[in-house]
Amino acid sequence: MRAILLAATLLLAACAQFPALDATLEATDRSAPFPDLVPIEPILAAADARTAAPQDLSLDARIAALEARAARLRGRPVAGPLRARMRQGVDTSALQ
Protein backbone atom coordinates (compact mmCIF):
# COMPACT_ATOMS: atom_id res chain seq x y z
CA MET A 1 0.00 0.00 0.00
CA ARG A 2 2.82 2.39 0.86
CA ALA A 3 4.54 1.59 -2.41
CA ILE A 4 1.41 2.51 -4.36
CA LEU A 5 1.10 5.83 -2.50
CA LEU A 6 4.75 6.58 -3.08
CA ALA A 7 4.48 5.76 -6.78
CA ALA A 8 1.35 7.92 -7.13
CA THR A 9 3.08 10.84 -5.41
CA LEU A 10 6.13 10.53 -7.64
CA LEU A 11 3.99 10.33 -10.76
CA LEU A 12 2.06 13.45 -9.77
CA ALA A 13 5.29 15.31 -9.04
CA ALA A 14 6.68 14.30 -12.43
CA CYS A 15 3.69 15.95 -14.12
CA ALA A 16 4.34 19.33 -12.51
CA GLN A 17 5.30 22.28 -14.70
CA PHE A 18 8.37 24.05 -13.39
CA PRO A 19 8.86 27.76 -14.10
CA ALA A 20 11.53 28.79 -16.54
CA LEU A 21 14.09 30.18 -14.12
CA ASP A 22 16.64 30.91 -16.82
CA ALA A 23 14.32 33.57 -18.22
CA THR A 24 14.50 35.52 -14.96
CA LEU A 25 18.29 36.05 -15.22
CA GLU A 26 19.54 39.21 -16.82
CA ALA A 27 22.35 39.15 -19.38
CA THR A 28 24.88 40.53 -16.88
CA ASP A 29 24.03 37.73 -14.45
CA ARG A 30 24.45 35.06 -17.12
CA SER A 31 27.88 36.33 -18.10
CA ALA A 32 29.08 36.92 -14.52
CA PRO A 33 32.11 34.90 -13.42
CA PHE A 34 31.74 32.13 -10.86
CA PRO A 35 32.64 33.13 -7.30
CA ASP A 36 36.02 32.12 -5.95
CA LEU A 37 36.01 28.99 -3.82
CA VAL A 38 37.71 29.51 -0.47
CA PRO A 39 38.43 27.09 2.37
CA ILE A 40 35.78 27.09 5.09
CA GLU A 41 38.15 26.77 8.07
CA PRO A 42 39.19 30.48 8.19
CA ILE A 43 35.55 31.53 7.91
CA LEU A 44 34.50 29.26 10.78
CA ALA A 45 37.46 30.36 12.90
CA ALA A 46 36.57 34.03 12.40
CA ALA A 47 32.94 33.34 13.31
CA ASP A 48 33.96 31.45 16.45
CA ALA A 49 36.32 34.22 17.51
CA ARG A 50 33.59 36.86 17.23
CA THR A 51 30.82 34.98 19.02
CA ALA A 52 32.60 32.83 21.62
CA ALA A 53 33.32 35.33 24.37
CA PRO A 54 29.99 37.23 24.56
CA GLN A 55 28.01 34.04 24.26
CA ASP A 56 29.86 32.43 27.18
CA LEU A 57 29.22 35.45 29.41
CA SER A 58 25.53 35.62 28.57
CA LEU A 59 25.20 31.88 29.06
CA ASP A 60 26.72 32.10 32.54
CA ALA A 61 24.36 34.95 33.43
CA ARG A 62 21.39 32.98 32.14
CA ILE A 63 22.42 29.90 34.16
CA ALA A 64 22.69 32.01 37.31
CA ALA A 65 19.27 33.60 36.68
CA LEU A 66 17.61 30.23 36.09
CA GLU A 67 19.17 28.75 39.22
CA ALA A 68 17.96 31.72 41.28
CA ARG A 69 14.46 31.35 39.83
CA ALA A 70 14.44 27.63 40.62
CA ALA A 71 15.46 28.36 44.20
CA ARG A 72 12.63 30.90 44.56
CA LEU A 73 10.10 28.45 43.13
CA ARG A 74 11.26 25.66 45.45
CA GLY A 75 10.58 27.87 48.46
CA ARG A 76 6.91 28.56 47.66
CA PRO A 77 4.58 25.81 48.86
CA VAL A 78 0.96 25.91 47.77
CA ALA A 79 -1.22 27.50 50.46
CA GLY A 80 -3.93 25.52 52.27
CA PRO A 81 -7.12 26.77 50.50
CA LEU A 82 -5.55 26.51 47.06
CA ARG A 83 -4.16 23.07 47.84
CA ALA A 84 -7.66 21.86 48.86
CA ARG A 85 -9.13 23.27 45.64
CA MET A 86 -6.44 21.55 43.59
CA ARG A 87 -7.19 18.21 45.27
CA GLN A 88 -10.83 18.48 44.23
CA GLY A 89 -9.75 18.36 40.61
CA VAL A 90 -11.50 19.70 37.54
CA ASP A 91 -15.25 19.28 37.05
CA THR A 92 -15.63 17.83 33.55
CA SER A 93 -19.38 17.26 33.74
CA ALA A 94 -20.08 20.41 31.71
CA LEU A 95 -17.91 19.09 28.89
CA GLN A 96 -20.03 16.01 28.27
PDB file of N, CA and C in Angstrom:
ATOM      1  N   MET A   1       0.819  -1.186   0.000  1.00  0.00           N
ATOM      2  CA  MET A   1       0.000   0.000   0.000  1.00  0.00           C
ATOM      3  C   MET A   1       0.869   1.258   0.000  1.00  0.00           C
ATOM      4  N   ARG A   2       1.928   1.233   0.818  1.00  0.00           N
ATOM      5  CA  ARG A   2       2.822   2.391   0.859  1.00  0.00           C
ATOM      6  C   ARG A   2       3.514   2.589  -0.477  1.00  0.00           C
ATOM      7  N   ALA A   3       3.861   1.488  -1.123  1.00  0.00           N
ATOM      8  CA  ALA A   3       4.536   1.592  -2.414  1.00  0.00           C
ATOM      9  C   ALA A   3       3.632   2.236  -3.449  1.00  0.00           C
ATOM     10  N   ILE A   4       2.357   1.921  -3.399  1.00  0.00           N
ATOM     11  CA  ILE A   4       1.405   2.512  -4.355  1.00  0.00           C
ATOM     12  C   ILE A   4       1.284   4.014  -4.104  1.00  0.00           C
ATOM     13  N   LEU A   5       1.192   4.409  -2.824  1.00  0.00           N
ATOM     14  CA  LEU A   5       1.097   5.832  -2.504  1.00  0.00           C
ATOM     15  C   LEU A   5       2.361   6.579  -2.907  1.00  0.00           C
ATOM     16  N   LEU A   6       3.493   5.965  -2.690  1.00  0.00           N
ATOM     17  CA  LEU A   6       4.753   6.578  -3.085  1.00  0.00           C
ATOM     18  C   LEU A   6       4.830   6.736  -4.596  1.00  0.00           C
ATOM     19  N   ALA A   7       4.445   5.691  -5.321  1.00  0.00           N
ATOM     20  CA  ALA A   7       4.477   5.760  -6.784  1.00  0.00           C
ATOM     21  C   ALA A   7       3.518   6.823  -7.295  1.00  0.00           C
ATOM     22  N   ALA A   8       2.320   6.909  -6.698  1.00  0.00           N
ATOM     23  CA  ALA A   8       1.348   7.916  -7.132  1.00  0.00           C
ATOM     24  C   ALA A   8       1.870   9.322  -6.871  1.00  0.00           C
ATOM     25  N   THR A   9       2.517   9.527  -5.738  1.00  0.00           N
ATOM     26  CA  THR A   9       3.080  10.839  -5.415  1.00  0.00           C
ATOM     27  C   THR A   9       4.192  11.207  -6.391  1.00  0.00           C
ATOM     28  N   LEU A  10       5.040  10.250  -6.697  1.00  0.00           N
ATOM     29  CA  LEU A  10       6.127  10.530  -7.635  1.00  0.00           C
ATOM     30  C   LEU A  10       5.598  10.806  -9.032  1.00  0.00           C
ATOM     31  N   LEU A  11       4.575  10.096  -9.446  1.00  0.00           N
ATOM     32  CA  LEU A  11       3.990  10.330 -10.761  1.00  0.00           C
ATOM     33  C   LEU A  11       3.349  11.708 -10.839  1.00  0.00           C
ATOM     34  N   LEU A  12       2.667  12.115  -9.772  1.00  0.00           N
ATOM     35  CA  LEU A  12       2.061  13.445  -9.769  1.00  0.00           C
ATOM     36  C   LEU A  12       3.126  14.535  -9.782  1.00  0.00           C
ATOM     37  N   ALA A  13       4.217  14.320  -9.058  1.00  0.00           N
ATOM     38  CA  ALA A  13       5.291  15.308  -9.039  1.00  0.00           C
ATOM     39  C   ALA A  13       5.970  15.397 -10.398  1.00  0.00           C
ATOM     40  N   ALA A  14       6.043  14.297 -11.117  1.00  0.00           N
ATOM     41  CA  ALA A  14       6.677  14.299 -12.432  1.00  0.00           C
ATOM     42  C   ALA A  14       5.848  15.081 -13.446  1.00  0.00           C
ATOM     43  N   CYS A  15       4.565  15.230 -13.197  1.00  0.00           N
ATOM     44  CA  CYS A  15       3.690  15.951 -14.124  1.00  0.00           C
ATOM     45  C   CYS A  15       3.694  17.457 -13.882  1.00  0.00           C
ATOM     46  N   ALA A  16       4.360  17.911 -12.859  1.00  0.00           N
ATOM     47  CA  ALA A  16       4.337  19.329 -12.509  1.00  0.00           C
ATOM     48  C   ALA A  16       5.108  20.140 -13.543  1.00  0.00           C
ATOM     49  N   GLN A  17       4.630  21.354 -13.788  1.00  0.00           N
ATOM     50  CA  GLN A  17       5.300  22.279 -14.696  1.00  0.00           C
ATOM     51  C   GLN A  17       6.183  23.210 -13.866  1.00  0.00           C
ATOM     52  N   PHE A  18       7.461  23.205 -14.134  1.00  0.00           N
ATOM     53  CA  PHE A  18       8.373  24.055 -13.393  1.00  0.00           C
ATOM     54  C   PHE A  18       8.558  25.362 -14.145  1.00  0.00           C
ATOM     55  N   PRO A  19       8.689  26.468 -13.421  1.00  0.00           N
ATOM     56  CA  PRO A  19       8.862  27.756 -14.096  1.00  0.00           C
ATOM     57  C   PRO A  19      10.225  27.836 -14.778  1.00  0.00           C
ATOM     58  N   ALA A  20      10.273  28.605 -15.812  1.00  0.00           N
ATOM     59  CA  ALA A  20      11.528  28.791 -16.535  1.00  0.00           C
ATOM     60  C   ALA A  20      12.373  29.798 -15.773  1.00  0.00           C
ATOM     61  N   LEU A  21      13.270  29.305 -14.947  1.00  0.00           N
ATOM     62  CA  LEU A  21      14.086  30.182 -14.123  1.00  0.00           C
ATOM     63  C   LEU A  21      15.181  30.875 -14.913  1.00  0.00           C
ATOM     64  N   ASP A  22      15.602  30.278 -16.007  1.00  0.00           N
ATOM     65  CA  ASP A  22      16.636  30.915 -16.820  1.00  0.00           C
ATOM     66  C   ASP A  22      16.145  32.224 -17.412  1.00  0.00           C
ATOM     67  N   ALA A  23      14.862  32.344 -17.640  1.00  0.00           N
ATOM     68  CA  ALA A  23      14.322  33.570 -18.219  1.00  0.00           C
ATOM     69  C   ALA A  23      14.363  34.731 -17.228  1.00  0.00           C
ATOM     70  N   THR A  24      14.480  34.454 -15.955  1.00  0.00           N
ATOM     71  CA  THR A  24      14.502  35.521 -14.958  1.00  0.00           C
ATOM     72  C   THR A  24      15.884  36.144 -14.784  1.00  0.00           C
ATOM     73  N   LEU A  25      16.932  35.510 -15.327  1.00  0.00           N
ATOM     74  CA  LEU A  25      18.286  36.054 -15.222  1.00  0.00           C
ATOM     75  C   LEU A  25      18.514  37.116 -16.280  1.00  0.00           C
ATOM     76  N   GLU A  26      19.182  38.176 -15.859  1.00  0.00           N
ATOM     77  CA  GLU A  26      19.543  39.212 -16.820  1.00  0.00           C
ATOM     78  C   GLU A  26      20.842  38.819 -17.512  1.00  0.00           C
ATOM     79  N   ALA A  27      21.158  39.479 -18.588  1.00  0.00           N
ATOM     80  CA  ALA A  27      22.348  39.149 -19.383  1.00  0.00           C
ATOM     81  C   ALA A  27      23.626  39.312 -18.555  1.00  0.00           C
ATOM     82  N   THR A  28      23.676  40.325 -17.701  1.00  0.00           N
ATOM     83  CA  THR A  28      24.884  40.526 -16.884  1.00  0.00           C
ATOM     84  C   THR A  28      25.053  39.391 -15.882  1.00  0.00           C
ATOM     85  N   ASP A  29      23.938  38.850 -15.388  1.00  0.00           N
ATOM     86  CA  ASP A  29      24.027  37.732 -14.452  1.00  0.00           C
ATOM     87  C   ASP A  29      24.491  36.465 -15.146  1.00  0.00           C
ATOM     88  N   ARG A  30      24.045  36.268 -16.385  1.00  0.00           N
ATOM     89  CA  ARG A  30      24.445  35.060 -17.122  1.00  0.00           C
ATOM     90  C   ARG A  30      25.928  35.070 -17.463  1.00  0.00           C
ATOM     91  N   SER A  31      26.471  36.253 -17.700  1.00  0.00           N
ATOM     92  CA  SER A  31      27.883  36.330 -18.097  1.00  0.00           C
ATOM     93  C   SER A  31      28.801  36.597 -16.902  1.00  0.00           C
ATOM     94  N   ALA A  32      28.260  36.656 -15.702  1.00  0.00           N
ATOM     95  CA  ALA A  32      29.083  36.917 -14.517  1.00  0.00           C
ATOM     96  C   ALA A  32      29.992  35.736 -14.235  1.00  0.00           C
ATOM     97  N   PRO A  33      31.198  36.001 -13.731  1.00  0.00           N
ATOM     98  CA  PRO A  33      32.113  34.900 -13.423  1.00  0.00           C
ATOM     99  C   PRO A  33      31.639  34.153 -12.166  1.00  0.00           C
ATOM    100  N   PHE A  34      32.053  32.914 -12.040  1.00  0.00           N
ATOM    101  CA  PHE A  34      31.736  32.129 -10.861  1.00  0.00           C
ATOM    102  C   PHE A  34      32.482  32.706  -9.667  1.00  0.00           C
ATOM    103  N   PRO A  35      31.920  32.621  -8.467  1.00  0.00           N
ATOM    104  CA  PRO A  35      32.642  33.135  -7.296  1.00  0.00           C
ATOM    105  C   PRO A  35      33.849  32.258  -6.982  1.00  0.00           C
ATOM    106  N   ASP A  36      34.831  32.869  -6.347  1.00  0.00           N
ATOM    107  CA  ASP A  36      36.022  32.119  -5.948  1.00  0.00           C
ATOM    108  C   ASP A  36      35.667  31.162  -4.817  1.00  0.00           C
ATOM    109  N   LEU A  37      36.200  29.955  -4.892  1.00  0.00           N
ATOM    110  CA  LEU A  37      36.015  28.991  -3.817  1.00  0.00           C
ATOM    111  C   LEU A  37      37.123  29.192  -2.794  1.00  0.00           C
ATOM    112  N   VAL A  38      36.732  29.309  -1.536  1.00  0.00           N
ATOM    113  CA  VAL A  38      37.707  29.515  -0.475  1.00  0.00           C
ATOM    114  C   VAL A  38      37.523  28.424   0.572  1.00  0.00           C
ATOM    115  N   PRO A  39      38.563  28.089   1.317  1.00  0.00           N
ATOM    116  CA  PRO A  39      38.427  27.091   2.374  1.00  0.00           C
ATOM    117  C   PRO A  39      37.488  27.595   3.476  1.00  0.00           C
ATOM    118  N   ILE A  40      36.765  26.697   4.083  1.00  0.00           N
ATOM    119  CA  ILE A  40      35.781  27.091   5.092  1.00  0.00           C
ATOM    120  C   ILE A  40      36.401  27.282   6.476  1.00  0.00           C
ATOM    121  N   GLU A  41      37.557  26.692   6.742  1.00  0.00           N
ATOM    122  CA  GLU A  41      38.148  26.769   8.073  1.00  0.00           C
ATOM    123  C   GLU A  41      38.405  28.205   8.529  1.00  0.00           C
ATOM    124  N   PRO A  42      38.989  29.098   7.714  1.00  0.00           N
ATOM    125  CA  PRO A  42      39.185  30.479   8.185  1.00  0.00           C
ATOM    126  C   PRO A  42      37.862  31.195   8.462  1.00  0.00           C
ATOM    127  N   ILE A  43      36.848  30.899   7.696  1.00  0.00           N
ATOM    128  CA  ILE A  43      35.549  31.534   7.908  1.00  0.00           C
ATOM    129  C   ILE A  43      34.956  31.083   9.243  1.00  0.00           C
ATOM    130  N   LEU A  44      35.025  29.777   9.519  1.00  0.00           N
ATOM    131  CA  LEU A  44      34.502  29.260  10.779  1.00  0.00           C
ATOM    132  C   LEU A  44      35.308  29.769  11.966  1.00  0.00           C
ATOM    133  N   ALA A  45      36.613  29.863  11.816  1.00  0.00           N
ATOM    134  CA  ALA A  45      37.457  30.364  12.899  1.00  0.00           C
ATOM    135  C   ALA A  45      37.129  31.818  13.211  1.00  0.00           C
ATOM    136  N   ALA A  46      36.913  32.624  12.187  1.00  0.00           N
ATOM    137  CA  ALA A  46      36.567  34.027  12.401  1.00  0.00           C
ATOM    138  C   ALA A  46      35.200  34.144  13.077  1.00  0.00           C
ATOM    139  N   ALA A  47      34.262  33.311  12.686  1.00  0.00           N
ATOM    140  CA  ALA A  47      32.936  33.340  13.305  1.00  0.00           C
ATOM    141  C   ALA A  47      33.005  32.913  14.757  1.00  0.00           C
ATOM    142  N   ASP A  48      33.808  31.900  15.064  1.00  0.00           N
ATOM    143  CA  ASP A  48      33.957  31.449  16.450  1.00  0.00           C
ATOM    144  C   ASP A  48      34.623  32.516  17.313  1.00  0.00           C
ATOM    145  N   ALA A  49      35.603  33.204  16.747  1.00  0.00           N
ATOM    146  CA  ALA A  49      36.321  34.223  17.512  1.00  0.00           C
ATOM    147  C   ALA A  49      35.405  35.391  17.859  1.00  0.00           C
ATOM    148  N   ARG A  50      34.485  35.726  16.978  1.00  0.00           N
ATOM    149  CA  ARG A  50      33.594  36.860  17.230  1.00  0.00           C
ATOM    150  C   ARG A  50      32.511  36.519  18.235  1.00  0.00           C
ATOM    151  N   THR A  51      31.997  35.306  18.216  1.00  0.00           N
ATOM    152  CA  THR A  51      30.824  34.984  19.023  1.00  0.00           C
ATOM    153  C   THR A  51      31.132  34.205  20.293  1.00  0.00           C
ATOM    154  N   ALA A  52      32.330  33.705  20.480  1.00  0.00           N
ATOM    155  CA  ALA A  52      32.603  32.826  21.618  1.00  0.00           C
ATOM    156  C   ALA A  52      32.553  33.560  22.944  1.00  0.00           C
ATOM    157  N   ALA A  53      33.230  34.663  23.077  1.00  0.00           N
ATOM    158  CA  ALA A  53      33.322  35.329  24.372  1.00  0.00           C
ATOM    159  C   ALA A  53      31.980  35.895  24.844  1.00  0.00           C
ATOM    160  N   PRO A  54      31.260  36.697  24.058  1.00  0.00           N
ATOM    161  CA  PRO A  54      29.991  37.232  24.556  1.00  0.00           C
ATOM    162  C   PRO A  54      28.962  36.144  24.851  1.00  0.00           C
ATOM    163  N   GLN A  55      28.973  35.106  24.071  1.00  0.00           N
ATOM    164  CA  GLN A  55      28.006  34.043  24.263  1.00  0.00           C
ATOM    165  C   GLN A  55      28.263  33.314  25.582  1.00  0.00           C
ATOM    166  N   ASP A  56      29.529  33.099  25.922  1.00  0.00           N
ATOM    167  CA  ASP A  56      29.862  32.433  27.181  1.00  0.00           C
ATOM    168  C   ASP A  56      29.409  33.268  28.371  1.00  0.00           C
ATOM    169  N   LEU A  57      29.616  34.587  28.307  1.00  0.00           N
ATOM    170  CA  LEU A  57      29.219  35.448  29.412  1.00  0.00           C
ATOM    171  C   LEU A  57      27.705  35.471  29.566  1.00  0.00           C
ATOM    172  N   SER A  58      26.984  35.581  28.466  1.00  0.00           N
ATOM    173  CA  SER A  58      25.530  35.624  28.569  1.00  0.00           C
ATOM    174  C   SER A  58      24.981  34.274  29.010  1.00  0.00           C
ATOM    175  N   LEU A  59      25.643  33.206  28.642  1.00  0.00           N
ATOM    176  CA  LEU A  59      25.204  31.882  29.061  1.00  0.00           C
ATOM    177  C   LEU A  59      25.385  31.701  30.562  1.00  0.00           C
ATOM    178  N   ASP A  60      26.511  32.183  31.103  1.00  0.00           N
ATOM    179  CA  ASP A  60      26.725  32.105  32.545  1.00  0.00           C
ATOM    180  C   ASP A  60      25.686  32.927  33.294  1.00  0.00           C
ATOM    181  N   ALA A  61      25.368  34.100  32.781  1.00  0.00           N
ATOM    182  CA  ALA A  61      24.359  34.945  33.427  1.00  0.00           C
ATOM    183  C   ALA A  61      22.988  34.280  33.373  1.00  0.00           C
ATOM    184  N   ARG A  62      22.680  33.657  32.269  1.00  0.00           N
ATOM    185  CA  ARG A  62      21.390  32.976  32.143  1.00  0.00           C
ATOM    186  C   ARG A  62      21.301  31.782  33.099  1.00  0.00           C
ATOM    187  N   ILE A  63      22.390  31.036  33.222  1.00  0.00           N
ATOM    188  CA  ILE A  63      22.424  29.903  34.158  1.00  0.00           C
ATOM    189  C   ILE A  63      22.178  30.395  35.583  1.00  0.00           C
ATOM    190  N   ALA A  64      22.852  31.471  35.961  1.00  0.00           N
ATOM    191  CA  ALA A  64      22.688  32.012  37.310  1.00  0.00           C
ATOM    192  C   ALA A  64      21.250  32.477  37.540  1.00  0.00           C
ATOM    193  N   ALA A  65      20.648  33.123  36.539  1.00  0.00           N
ATOM    194  CA  ALA A  65      19.270  33.602  36.680  1.00  0.00           C
ATOM    195  C   ALA A  65      18.295  32.436  36.804  1.00  0.00           C
ATOM    196  N   LEU A  66      18.501  31.392  36.018  1.00  0.00           N
ATOM    197  CA  LEU A  66      17.612  30.231  36.094  1.00  0.00           C
ATOM    198  C   LEU A  66      17.757  29.493  37.418  1.00  0.00           C
ATOM    199  N   GLU A  67      18.979  29.394  37.924  1.00  0.00           N
ATOM    200  CA  GLU A  67      19.171  28.745  39.216  1.00  0.00           C
ATOM    201  C   GLU A  67      18.520  29.549  40.338  1.00  0.00           C
ATOM    202  N   ALA A  68      18.604  30.872  40.268  1.00  0.00           N
ATOM    203  CA  ALA A  68      17.959  31.716  41.284  1.00  0.00           C
ATOM    204  C   ALA A  68      16.444  31.579  41.209  1.00  0.00           C
ATOM    205  N   ARG A  69      15.904  31.522  39.999  1.00  0.00           N
ATOM    206  CA  ARG A  69      14.462  31.354  39.832  1.00  0.00           C
ATOM    207  C   ARG A  69      14.007  29.999  40.372  1.00  0.00           C
ATOM    208  N   ALA A  70      14.781  28.953  40.116  1.00  0.00           N
ATOM    209  CA  ALA A  70      14.435  27.627  40.620  1.00  0.00           C
ATOM    210  C   ALA A  70      14.452  27.615  42.140  1.00  0.00           C
ATOM    211  N   ALA A  71      15.397  28.300  42.738  1.00  0.00           N
ATOM    212  CA  ALA A  71      15.463  28.362  44.203  1.00  0.00           C
ATOM    213  C   ALA A  71      14.245  29.086  44.758  1.00  0.00           C
ATOM    214  N   ARG A  72      13.821  30.176  44.102  1.00  0.00           N
ATOM    215  CA  ARG A  72      12.626  30.896  44.559  1.00  0.00           C
ATOM    216  C   ARG A  72      11.382  30.033  44.430  1.00  0.00           C
ATOM    217  N   LEU A  73      11.281  29.295  43.327  1.00  0.00           N
ATOM    218  CA  LEU A  73      10.097  28.455  43.128  1.00  0.00           C
ATOM    219  C   LEU A  73      10.057  27.291  44.102  1.00  0.00           C
ATOM    220  N   ARG A  74      11.222  26.761  44.480  1.00  0.00           N
ATOM    221  CA  ARG A  74      11.259  25.663  45.447  1.00  0.00           C
ATOM    222  C   ARG A  74      10.775  26.116  46.808  1.00  0.00           C
ATOM    223  N   GLY A  75      10.932  27.366  47.148  1.00  0.00           N
ATOM    224  CA  GLY A  75      10.582  27.868  48.462  1.00  0.00           C
ATOM    225  C   GLY A  75       9.115  28.222  48.627  1.00  0.00           C
ATOM    226  N   ARG A  76       8.299  28.151  47.576  1.00  0.00           N
ATOM    227  CA  ARG A  76       6.906  28.559  47.663  1.00  0.00           C
ATOM    228  C   ARG A  76       5.978  27.352  47.686  1.00  0.00           C
ATOM    229  N   PRO A  77       5.569  26.895  48.833  1.00  0.00           N
ATOM    230  CA  PRO A  77       4.585  25.812  48.856  1.00  0.00           C
ATOM    231  C   PRO A  77       3.199  26.361  48.536  1.00  0.00           C
ATOM    232  N   VAL A  78       2.327  25.508  48.088  1.00  0.00           N
ATOM    233  CA  VAL A  78       0.963  25.907  47.771  1.00  0.00           C
ATOM    234  C   VAL A  78       0.211  26.072  49.084  1.00  0.00           C
ATOM    235  N   ALA A  79      -0.498  27.194  49.228  1.00  0.00           N
ATOM    236  CA  ALA A  79      -1.222  27.502  50.464  1.00  0.00           C
ATOM    237  C   ALA A  79      -2.393  26.542  50.662  1.00  0.00           C
ATOM    238  N   GLY A  80      -2.885  26.458  51.897  1.00  0.00           N
ATOM    239  CA  GLY A  80      -3.932  25.518  52.270  1.00  0.00           C
ATOM    240  C   GLY A  80      -5.190  25.566  51.425  1.00  0.00           C
ATOM    241  N   PRO A  81      -5.880  26.724  51.277  1.00  0.00           N
ATOM    242  CA  PRO A  81      -7.124  26.766  50.495  1.00  0.00           C
ATOM    243  C   PRO A  81      -6.906  26.390  49.022  1.00  0.00           C
ATOM    244  N   LEU A  82      -5.831  26.843  48.453  1.00  0.00           N
ATOM    245  CA  LEU A  82      -5.550  26.509  47.060  1.00  0.00           C
ATOM    246  C   LEU A  82      -5.207  25.037  46.910  1.00  0.00           C
ATOM    247  N   ARG A  83      -4.502  24.489  47.878  1.00  0.00           N
ATOM    248  CA  ARG A  83      -4.156  23.069  47.838  1.00  0.00           C
ATOM    249  C   ARG A  83      -5.428  22.213  47.903  1.00  0.00           C
ATOM    250  N   ALA A  84      -6.395  22.599  48.754  1.00  0.00           N
ATOM    251  CA  ALA A  84      -7.659  21.857  48.862  1.00  0.00           C
ATOM    252  C   ALA A  84      -8.435  21.935  47.549  1.00  0.00           C
ATOM    253  N   ARG A  85      -8.433  23.101  46.929  1.00  0.00           N
ATOM    254  CA  ARG A  85      -9.125  23.267  45.641  1.00  0.00           C
ATOM    255  C   ARG A  85      -8.469  22.423  44.550  1.00  0.00           C
ATOM    256  N   MET A  86      -7.159  22.348  44.586  1.00  0.00           N
ATOM    257  CA  MET A  86      -6.438  21.547  43.592  1.00  0.00           C
ATOM    258  C   MET A  86      -6.740  20.061  43.773  1.00  0.00           C
ATOM    259  N   ARG A  87      -6.894  19.627  45.020  1.00  0.00           N
ATOM    260  CA  ARG A  87      -7.188  18.213  45.274  1.00  0.00           C
ATOM    261  C   ARG A  87      -8.575  17.819  44.779  1.00  0.00           C
ATOM    262  N   GLN A  88      -9.491  18.768  44.734  1.00  0.00           N
ATOM    263  CA  GLN A  88     -10.830  18.482  44.226  1.00  0.00           C
ATOM    264  C   GLN A  88     -10.800  18.150  42.741  1.00  0.00           C
ATOM    265  N   GLY A  89      -9.872  18.657  42.032  1.00  0.00           N
ATOM    266  CA  GLY A  89      -9.750  18.360  40.610  1.00  0.00           C
ATOM    267  C   GLY A  89     -10.611  19.271  39.754  1.00  0.00           C
ATOM    268  N   VAL A  90     -10.748  18.915  38.513  1.00  0.00           N
ATOM    269  CA  VAL A  90     -11.497  19.702  37.544  1.00  0.00           C
ATOM    270  C   VAL A  90     -12.841  19.013  37.299  1.00  0.00           C
ATOM    271  N   ASP A  91     -13.903  19.805  37.316  1.00  0.00           N
ATOM    272  CA  ASP A  91     -15.246  19.277  37.048  1.00  0.00           C
ATOM    273  C   ASP A  91     -15.437  19.211  35.539  1.00  0.00           C
ATOM    274  N   THR A  92     -15.478  18.017  35.003  1.00  0.00           N
ATOM    275  CA  THR A  92     -15.630  17.831  33.551  1.00  0.00           C
ATOM    276  C   THR A  92     -17.060  17.504  33.141  1.00  0.00           C
ATOM    277  N   SER A  93     -18.001  17.603  34.077  1.00  0.00           N
ATOM    278  CA  SER A  93     -19.384  17.257  33.739  1.00  0.00           C
ATOM    279  C   SER A  93     -19.975  18.197  32.700  1.00  0.00           C
ATOM    280  N   ALA A  94     -19.558  19.449  32.684  1.00  0.00           N
ATOM    281  CA  ALA A  94     -20.082  20.406  31.710  1.00  0.00           C
ATOM    282  C   ALA A  94     -19.558  20.130  30.303  1.00  0.00           C
ATOM    283  N   LEU A  95     -18.498  19.382  30.192  1.00  0.00           N
ATOM    284  CA  LEU A  95     -17.910  19.086  28.885  1.00  0.00           C
ATOM    285  C   LEU A  95     -18.616  17.956  28.168  1.00  0.00           C
ATOM    286  N   GLN A  96     -19.408  17.180  28.883  1.00  0.00           N
ATOM    287  CA  GLN A  96     -20.027  16.014  28.268  1.00  0.00           C
ATOM    288  C   GLN A  96     -21.404  16.284  27.760  1.00  0.00           C
TER     289      GLN A  96
END
